[in-house]
Protein backbone atom coordinates (compact mmCIF):
# COMPACT_ATOMS: atom_id res chain seq x y z
CA MET A 1 0.95 -51.79 21.01
CA ILE A 2 -1.14 -48.77 19.74
CA GLU A 3 -0.06 -47.88 16.05
CA GLU A 4 0.29 -43.68 16.14
CA SER A 5 -2.49 -42.39 13.98
CA ALA A 6 -2.03 -39.79 12.04
CA LEU A 7 -3.66 -36.28 12.90
CA ARG A 8 -6.84 -36.83 11.47
CA VAL A 9 -7.16 -33.38 9.33
CA ALA A 10 -8.60 -33.61 6.24
CA GLU A 11 -5.58 -31.40 4.52
CA LYS A 12 -6.66 -31.62 1.09
CA GLU A 13 -10.38 -30.46 2.15
CA LEU A 14 -8.84 -27.52 3.90
CA GLU A 15 -6.85 -26.81 0.45
CA ASN A 16 -10.07 -27.07 -1.73
CA LYS A 17 -11.80 -24.59 0.83
CA GLY A 18 -8.78 -22.31 0.21
CA PHE A 19 -9.35 -20.40 3.43
CA LEU A 20 -5.69 -20.59 3.72
CA ASP A 21 -5.33 -18.75 0.28
CA VAL A 22 -7.68 -15.94 1.42
CA GLU A 23 -5.79 -12.30 0.69
CA LEU A 24 -6.30 -10.00 3.69
CA ASP A 25 -7.32 -6.61 3.86
CA PRO A 26 -4.11 -5.09 4.49
CA SER A 27 -5.65 -2.57 6.49
CA LEU A 28 -6.75 -4.57 8.75
CA ASP A 29 -5.16 -4.53 12.50
CA LEU A 30 -5.19 -8.19 12.78
CA PHE A 31 -4.01 -7.88 16.62
CA ALA A 32 -7.41 -6.22 17.39
CA GLU A 33 -9.32 -8.50 15.20
CA ILE A 34 -7.88 -11.52 16.67
CA GLU A 35 -8.60 -10.16 20.37
CA LYS A 36 -12.21 -10.03 19.38
CA LEU A 37 -12.06 -13.69 17.66
CA LYS A 38 -10.92 -14.67 21.40
CA LYS A 39 -13.67 -12.83 23.03
CA GLN A 40 -16.04 -14.23 20.62
CA LYS A 41 -15.08 -17.95 20.57
CA ASN A 42 -13.57 -17.92 24.22
CA ALA A 43 -10.16 -19.01 22.73
CA VAL A 44 -6.89 -18.51 24.25
CA ILE A 45 -3.98 -18.84 22.47
CA LEU A 46 -0.64 -20.43 23.89
CA ALA A 47 2.47 -19.25 22.29
CA HIS A 48 5.73 -20.89 22.68
CA TYR A 49 9.29 -18.57 23.13
CA TYR A 50 10.58 -19.77 19.71
CA GLN A 51 7.61 -17.89 17.97
CA GLU A 52 7.58 -14.75 15.71
CA PRO A 53 7.46 -11.90 18.04
CA ASP A 54 4.23 -10.23 17.01
CA ILE A 55 2.58 -14.10 17.52
CA GLN A 56 4.33 -13.82 21.05
CA ASP A 57 2.58 -10.40 21.66
CA VAL A 58 -0.71 -11.40 20.88
CA ALA A 59 -0.71 -14.49 22.91
CA ASP A 60 -2.76 -14.59 26.05
CA TYR A 61 0.21 -17.01 27.60
CA ILE A 62 4.06 -17.42 26.57
CA GLY A 63 6.49 -20.15 27.57
CA ASP A 64 8.62 -23.03 27.41
CA SER A 65 6.88 -26.76 27.01
CA LEU A 66 6.47 -27.42 30.47
CA GLY A 67 4.84 -24.29 30.86
CA LEU A 68 2.72 -24.75 27.92
CA ALA A 69 1.51 -28.17 29.27
CA GLN A 70 0.58 -26.61 32.91
CA GLN A 71 -1.63 -23.83 31.32
CA ALA A 72 -3.21 -26.52 28.47
CA GLN A 73 -4.02 -28.82 31.32
CA LYS A 74 -5.97 -26.11 33.36
CA THR A 75 -6.96 -23.64 30.90
CA ASP A 76 -11.43 -22.91 30.89
CA ALA A 77 -11.29 -21.84 27.36
CA ASP A 78 -13.70 -23.53 24.36
CA ILE A 79 -10.85 -23.55 21.62
CA ILE A 80 -6.90 -23.44 22.38
CA VAL A 81 -5.17 -21.56 19.64
CA PHE A 82 -1.56 -23.43 19.74
CA ALA A 83 0.96 -21.42 18.62
CA GLY A 84 3.60 -23.41 18.00
CA VAL A 85 4.87 -26.83 16.42
CA HIS A 86 2.47 -29.99 16.03
CA PHE A 87 3.61 -32.28 18.70
CA MET A 88 3.28 -28.74 21.10
CA ALA A 89 -0.62 -28.80 20.13
CA GLU A 90 -1.04 -32.62 20.31
CA THR A 91 -0.14 -32.26 23.72
CA ALA A 92 -2.72 -29.72 24.35
CA LYS A 93 -5.26 -32.22 23.03
CA ILE A 94 -4.51 -35.26 25.03
CA LEU A 95 -4.96 -33.09 27.85
CA ASN A 96 -8.17 -31.49 26.75
CA PRO A 97 -10.33 -33.90 24.64
CA GLN A 98 -13.30 -32.04 24.74
CA LYS A 99 -11.56 -28.46 23.72
CA LYS A 100 -11.04 -27.27 20.04
CA VAL A 101 -7.31 -27.54 19.59
CA LEU A 102 -5.98 -25.40 16.16
CA LEU A 103 -2.61 -25.29 15.00
CA PRO A 104 -1.83 -22.12 12.24
CA ASP A 105 -0.16 -24.40 10.31
CA LEU A 106 -0.30 -27.92 10.16
CA LYS A 107 3.20 -28.15 8.61
CA ALA A 108 4.83 -27.09 11.67
CA GLY A 109 6.72 -30.03 12.30
CA CYS A 110 9.69 -30.97 15.09
CA SER A 111 12.85 -32.52 13.54
CA LEU A 112 13.15 -34.14 17.06
CA SER A 113 10.56 -35.93 17.21
CA ASP A 114 10.57 -36.77 13.61
CA SER A 115 13.68 -38.80 14.45
CA CYS A 116 12.20 -41.39 16.75
CA PRO A 117 9.34 -43.17 14.84
CA PRO A 118 7.37 -45.02 17.39
CA PRO A 119 7.58 -48.50 15.16
CA LEU A 120 11.30 -48.40 15.47
CA PHE A 121 11.04 -46.75 19.39
CA LYS A 122 9.20 -49.69 20.22
CA LYS A 123 11.63 -52.21 18.91
CA PHE A 124 14.54 -50.18 20.55
CA LYS A 125 12.56 -50.20 23.71
CA GLU A 126 11.99 -54.28 23.25
CA LYS A 127 15.98 -55.05 23.06
CA HIS A 128 16.10 -53.33 26.85
CA PRO A 129 13.89 -54.98 28.94
CA GLY A 130 13.44 -53.88 32.36
CA HIS A 131 13.69 -49.87 31.31
CA VAL A 132 11.82 -47.39 32.72
CA VAL A 133 11.31 -44.92 29.43
CA ILE A 134 11.71 -41.24 29.42
CA SER A 135 10.79 -39.53 26.91
CA TYR A 136 11.37 -35.58 26.55
CA ILE A 137 8.18 -33.91 25.21
CA ASN A 138 9.32 -32.79 22.17
CA CYS A 139 7.75 -36.46 20.76
CA SER A 140 4.92 -37.57 19.06
CA ALA A 141 1.89 -39.28 20.48
CA GLY A 142 3.28 -42.70 19.53
CA ILE A 143 6.36 -41.82 21.39
CA LYS A 144 4.08 -40.84 24.54
CA ALA A 145 2.41 -44.06 24.89
CA LEU A 146 5.20 -46.15 24.47
CA SER A 147 6.85 -44.10 27.66
CA ASP A 148 6.60 -44.21 31.63
CA VAL A 149 6.82 -40.42 32.05
CA ILE A 150 7.37 -37.07 30.38
CA CYS A 151 10.16 -34.85 30.69
CA THR A 152 10.72 -31.20 29.79
CA SER A 153 14.02 -29.48 30.00
CA SER A 154 13.21 -27.42 32.73
CA ASN A 155 12.33 -30.47 34.61
CA ALA A 156 14.43 -33.40 33.40
CA LYS A 157 16.84 -33.85 36.02
CA ILE A 158 14.04 -33.53 38.80
CA ILE A 159 12.14 -36.29 36.38
CA VAL A 160 15.52 -38.45 35.93
CA GLU A 161 16.33 -38.16 39.89
CA SER A 162 12.75 -39.48 40.89
CA PHE A 163 13.89 -43.02 40.46
CA PRO A 164 16.29 -45.11 42.35
CA GLU A 165 20.16 -45.13 40.97
CA GLU A 166 19.70 -48.91 40.47
CA GLN A 167 16.88 -48.56 37.90
CA PRO A 168 17.64 -48.65 34.28
CA ILE A 169 16.21 -45.97 32.14
CA ILE A 170 15.97 -45.33 28.60
CA PHE A 171 16.04 -41.87 27.43
CA ALA A 172 14.36 -40.35 24.22
CA PRO A 173 14.63 -39.03 22.19
CA ASP A 174 17.22 -36.42 22.51
CA LYS A 175 20.79 -37.95 23.07
CA ASN A 176 22.19 -34.58 23.64
CA LEU A 177 19.59 -33.56 26.70
CA GLY A 178 20.21 -36.78 27.91
CA ALA A 179 23.82 -36.97 27.42
CA TYR A 180 23.81 -33.60 29.85
CA ILE A 181 21.04 -35.42 32.34
CA ASN A 182 24.00 -37.69 32.32
CA LYS A 183 26.44 -35.94 32.92
CA ILE A 184 24.64 -33.81 35.61
CA THR A 185 22.87 -36.65 37.32
CA GLY A 186 25.43 -39.21 37.38
CA ARG A 187 23.05 -41.79 35.85
CA ASN A 188 23.74 -43.84 32.32
CA MET A 189 20.98 -43.95 30.80
CA VAL A 190 20.75 -45.48 27.45
CA LEU A 191 20.14 -43.45 25.23
CA TRP A 192 17.85 -42.93 21.40
CA ASP A 193 19.85 -40.99 18.60
CA GLY A 194 17.71 -38.21 18.07
CA ALA A 195 18.54 -34.83 17.99
CA CYS A 196 17.22 -31.02 16.93
CA MET A 197 18.25 -29.72 13.77
CA VAL A 198 18.19 -26.14 15.54
CA HIS A 199 20.63 -27.18 18.19
CA GLU A 200 23.00 -29.24 16.35
CA ILE A 201 24.17 -26.84 14.12
CA PHE A 202 25.54 -24.07 16.37
CA SER A 203 28.91 -23.32 15.00
CA LEU A 204 31.16 -23.59 18.04
CA GLU A 205 33.94 -22.00 16.19
CA LYS A 206 32.03 -19.32 15.32
CA ILE A 207 31.03 -18.59 19.05
CA ILE A 208 34.42 -18.92 20.21
CA LYS A 209 35.19 -15.59 17.97
CA LEU A 210 31.95 -14.30 19.26
CA LYS A 211 33.44 -14.38 22.53
CA VAL A 212 36.79 -12.89 21.45
CA ARG A 213 34.79 -9.98 19.98
CA HIS A 214 32.53 -9.81 22.98
CA PRO A 215 34.94 -10.60 26.28
CA ARG A 216 32.13 -9.14 28.69
CA ALA A 217 29.74 -11.49 27.24
CA LYS A 218 28.36 -14.70 28.58
CA LEU A 219 27.55 -17.72 26.58
CA ILE A 220 23.97 -19.10 27.43
CA ALA A 221 23.08 -22.96 26.15
CA HIS A 222 19.81 -24.85 26.30
CA PRO A 223 21.00 -28.30 26.68
CA GLU A 224 19.81 -29.48 23.77
CA CYS A 225 23.19 -28.29 22.00
CA GLU A 226 26.03 -30.34 21.39
CA GLU A 227 28.37 -31.19 24.26
CA ALA A 228 31.15 -29.41 22.63
CA VAL A 229 28.63 -25.98 22.94
CA LEU A 230 27.73 -26.81 26.80
CA LYS A 231 31.35 -26.87 27.38
CA HIS A 232 32.09 -23.49 26.82
CA ALA A 233 28.62 -21.65 28.02
CA ASP A 234 28.54 -19.98 31.34
CA PHE A 235 25.04 -21.48 32.11
CA ILE A 236 23.01 -24.42 30.67
CA GLY A 237 19.31 -24.13 30.73
CA SER A 238 15.47 -24.62 29.52
CA THR A 239 14.34 -21.30 27.61
CA THR A 240 12.67 -20.77 30.50
CA GLY A 241 15.87 -20.61 32.87
CA LEU A 242 17.95 -18.75 30.34
CA LEU A 243 15.25 -16.32 30.21
CA LYS A 244 15.31 -16.08 33.96
CA PHE A 245 18.81 -15.95 34.33
CA THR A 246 19.89 -12.75 31.96
CA GLN A 247 17.01 -11.13 34.20
CA THR A 248 18.84 -12.10 37.30
CA ASP A 249 22.28 -11.90 36.32
CA ASP A 250 24.70 -8.79 36.19
CA ALA A 251 26.31 -9.40 32.91
CA MET A 252 24.92 -7.23 30.44
CA GLU A 253 25.84 -8.92 27.17
CA TYR A 254 24.85 -12.63 26.37
CA ILE A 255 25.66 -14.94 23.70
CA VAL A 256 22.42 -16.92 23.61
CA ALA A 257 22.64 -20.45 22.17
CA THR A 258 19.14 -21.35 21.21
CA GLU A 259 16.07 -20.67 18.88
CA THR A 260 16.06 -16.95 18.06
CA GLY A 261 12.48 -16.15 19.20
CA ILE A 262 13.66 -16.19 22.82
CA ILE A 263 16.04 -12.99 22.38
CA HIS A 264 12.38 -10.79 21.70
CA GLN A 265 10.95 -11.95 25.58
CA MET A 266 14.91 -11.11 26.93
CA MET A 267 15.19 -7.77 25.40
CA LYS A 268 11.24 -6.96 26.32
CA ALA A 269 12.50 -7.88 30.34
CA SER A 270 16.20 -6.52 30.06
CA PRO A 271 16.13 -3.63 27.84
CA HIS A 272 19.19 -2.06 28.78
CA LYS A 273 21.09 -5.39 27.79
CA THR A 274 22.68 -6.95 24.59
CA PHE A 275 21.79 -10.35 23.27
CA ILE A 276 23.46 -11.45 20.51
CA PRO A 277 22.23 -15.05 18.82
CA ALA A 278 24.66 -18.08 18.46
CA PRO A 279 25.59 -18.44 14.71
CA PRO A 280 24.80 -21.63 13.56
CA ASP A 281 27.48 -23.66 10.72
CA ASN A 282 25.90 -22.02 7.84
CA SER A 283 26.02 -18.81 5.83
CA CYS A 284 23.04 -17.48 8.66
CA ALA A 285 23.70 -15.04 11.07
CA CYS A 286 21.50 -16.77 13.60
CA ASN A 287 19.52 -20.07 14.29
CA ASN A 288 15.76 -19.89 13.37
CA CYS A 289 13.44 -23.12 13.44
CA PRO A 290 11.81 -22.90 10.35
CA HIS A 291 9.19 -25.37 11.40
CA MET A 292 8.26 -22.60 14.50
CA LYS A 293 8.61 -20.35 11.96
CA LEU A 294 5.83 -21.36 9.63
CA ASN A 295 3.03 -20.13 11.97
CA THR A 296 2.25 -16.42 11.52
CA LEU A 297 -0.17 -13.37 12.26
CA GLU A 298 -1.99 -13.85 9.19
CA LYS A 299 -2.20 -17.80 9.68
CA LEU A 300 -3.32 -17.39 13.50
CA TYR A 301 -5.83 -15.19 12.76
CA LEU A 302 -7.13 -16.88 9.99
CA CYS A 303 -7.08 -20.01 11.95
CA MET A 304 -9.25 -18.68 14.64
CA GLN A 305 -11.57 -17.30 12.03
CA TYR A 306 -12.26 -20.66 9.91
CA GLU A 307 -11.50 -22.69 13.32
CA LYS A 308 -8.95 -24.97 11.35
CA PRO A 309 -6.43 -26.64 11.04
CA GLU A 310 -7.91 -28.52 14.15
CA ILE A 311 -6.12 -31.40 16.29
CA LEU A 312 -8.01 -34.72 16.27
CA ILE A 313 -6.08 -37.91 18.00
CA ASP A 314 -7.83 -41.26 18.11
CA GLU A 315 -8.78 -41.50 21.66
CA GLU A 316 -6.97 -45.35 22.66
CA LEU A 317 -3.71 -43.72 22.06
CA ARG A 318 -4.68 -40.51 23.73
CA LEU A 319 -5.27 -42.41 26.80
CA ALA A 320 -2.18 -44.21 26.48
CA ALA A 321 0.05 -40.90 26.01
CA LYS A 322 -1.48 -38.93 28.73
CA LYS A 323 -0.43 -41.40 31.47
CA PRO A 324 3.23 -40.29 31.55
CA ILE A 325 2.32 -36.81 31.12
CA ASP A 326 -0.10 -36.67 34.03
CA ARG A 327 3.17 -38.41 36.16
CA MET A 328 5.13 -35.53 34.76
CA LEU A 329 2.92 -32.99 35.59
CA GLU A 330 2.54 -34.70 39.03
CA ILE A 331 6.21 -34.78 40.16
CA SER A 332 6.72 -31.38 38.43
CA ALA A 333 3.61 -29.75 41.46
CA LYS A 334 5.58 -31.78 43.68
CA ALA A 335 8.76 -30.14 42.98
CA GLY A 336 7.25 -26.50 42.92
CA LEU A 337 7.89 -26.04 39.37
């Protein structure tokens, strides 16, 4: 078994150089400067829907995990700046070993990915011989290397149904997404007990109160949410699926049960509609991913200026992790996704 290597970035060296502590001139037009750097360095900025609005507005492509992986696969840029979290940048590097892949803040991790350590998952897999492993893309390179095929929330149903009904399957790492796919496909996949902190803490009680106050609002939810929330949803879909639904549906109000970053794109696409973030089970009014929000426009600029932090990955691990990603992209392409 290939042991997962840490992202080989010399954090101490970066701290010693101190470029992340540079005080920028407040009059600097970061949008214009970033555009200049993109042209000078032949760089492309890929941003997830959960990034802050400023980053979304300066990005060359905004999307969910499937769309971002597809863009990373086909880009002709020399530098990929990934405004997202580390598993996303890692996936881009897996697909583009010859390109420089940068992540504005190396500490931008993922609670779901962290919930599935490769050594523990390897033992879990050994307890279920004969099972195909389908892993959600929100996982580390080490988990991808232990998988037969990767999926995203956009294509999970199609990926699962590409296997015969009699084929036993392990689904990792998100138990909520796995349970939802089991429900809509009639499968009985073995689920790893992992979850996303953002989608696990929505308050059903507060959501129901919101629905009472906004009787015409539709609840739309990401399948990473817990079953109790999904039961009350008017529509369930990936981030891209949720966005498209609000563009074509005739309702004028939506309660959005996913990370709040997507609301920026919803408002841009449908400015005449109202979007209400579903509240979490704490004192906050909305639900932000603390990892996604570590990236800022300032960090993005410095990242491009100094071309650090760079994502590097062991070649043996990269090749092992690439196979299930390639299989996902092939199945998605055949399905027209």
